[in-house]
Amino acid sequence: MIDVVEIGVRRGTRSVLSDISCHLAAGEMLGVCGPNGAGKSTLLRCLAGLEKPNVGTIQLHNRMLAEIKPLVRAKEIGYLPQHPALAWPLTVAQVVTLGRFPHHHGWHSLDPDNTAIVASVMHDMDLTGLAERPLATLSGGEQMRVHVARLMAGQHSIVLADEPTASLDPRYQIEIIEHLKHAAGSGVAVAVVLHDLPLAARYCSRILVLDQGQIVASGGPTEALSEQILRQTFRVSAVRDPDTHGLIGLAAG
């Protein structure tokens, strides 16, 4: 659904991304991993059309992403930034309803179909009881769940989420990742930035590892998070399941 060919991003004299080529296919969940400052958030912003590479091309359904009208792009692509901000004092229900904005005409009340979608997403994300609470009164973890619900309410064909499990307790980390995995299973193309490598290894069908703005590994979890990559890129070693050899934890050094 998205094809990236040799893109590069520079900010002043600093190279943020260099020679990045990758793709995002329908029905897959791509984990984007790497140490701090690797360029993960910049890559997601480029995929969302919010930042234009200095070189290279990004195509959506074989069309140049930069040439697609913003409203059309907003219907196709849902994007959750690492630190979502809200400029208005909205309730939880109102924030989730914003996810339907690209599919809704004007500022009129939602029609029954859109209202039902919002209610269903809020139920699935365990937010119904918080519907009338102002977002600002919620904890950081609760606010992130609301923003993820807004993302899911958009029913996009492509979902880009930058660290959606940050500040969440283990239960909600797993629930949110499972919601994204379920979306991928229904045909949505999902790319998610994760610092939790065992979580990425467990749920992502493919993993892209960035370091210093370049791709250092791409493939299935076992290949992309090999012992060599873990040691050289993340400065950690793996704790693996003795039966499946799957990544279940990390050790320093």
Foldseek 3Di string as FASTA:
>chain_A
DKWWAQFWADDVPATQAGGDTDDWFWLFEEEEEFDPSLNRQVVLCVQLVNDPTPDTFMDDVNHTPVPDDPLVSLLAEFEAHPDDDDDDQDFLLVLLLVLCVSVDPDDDDDDPVLVVLSVVLCVLLVNPVRRGPGLVVDDPQVNLSSNLSSRVSSLHLEYEYEASCPPHDPVSSVSSLVVQSVSSNVTRGYYYYDHPLLVCLVRGQKYFYGGSNYTPDIGHSCGRCDQVCCCPGVQWGFDADPPPRRGDDIGHD
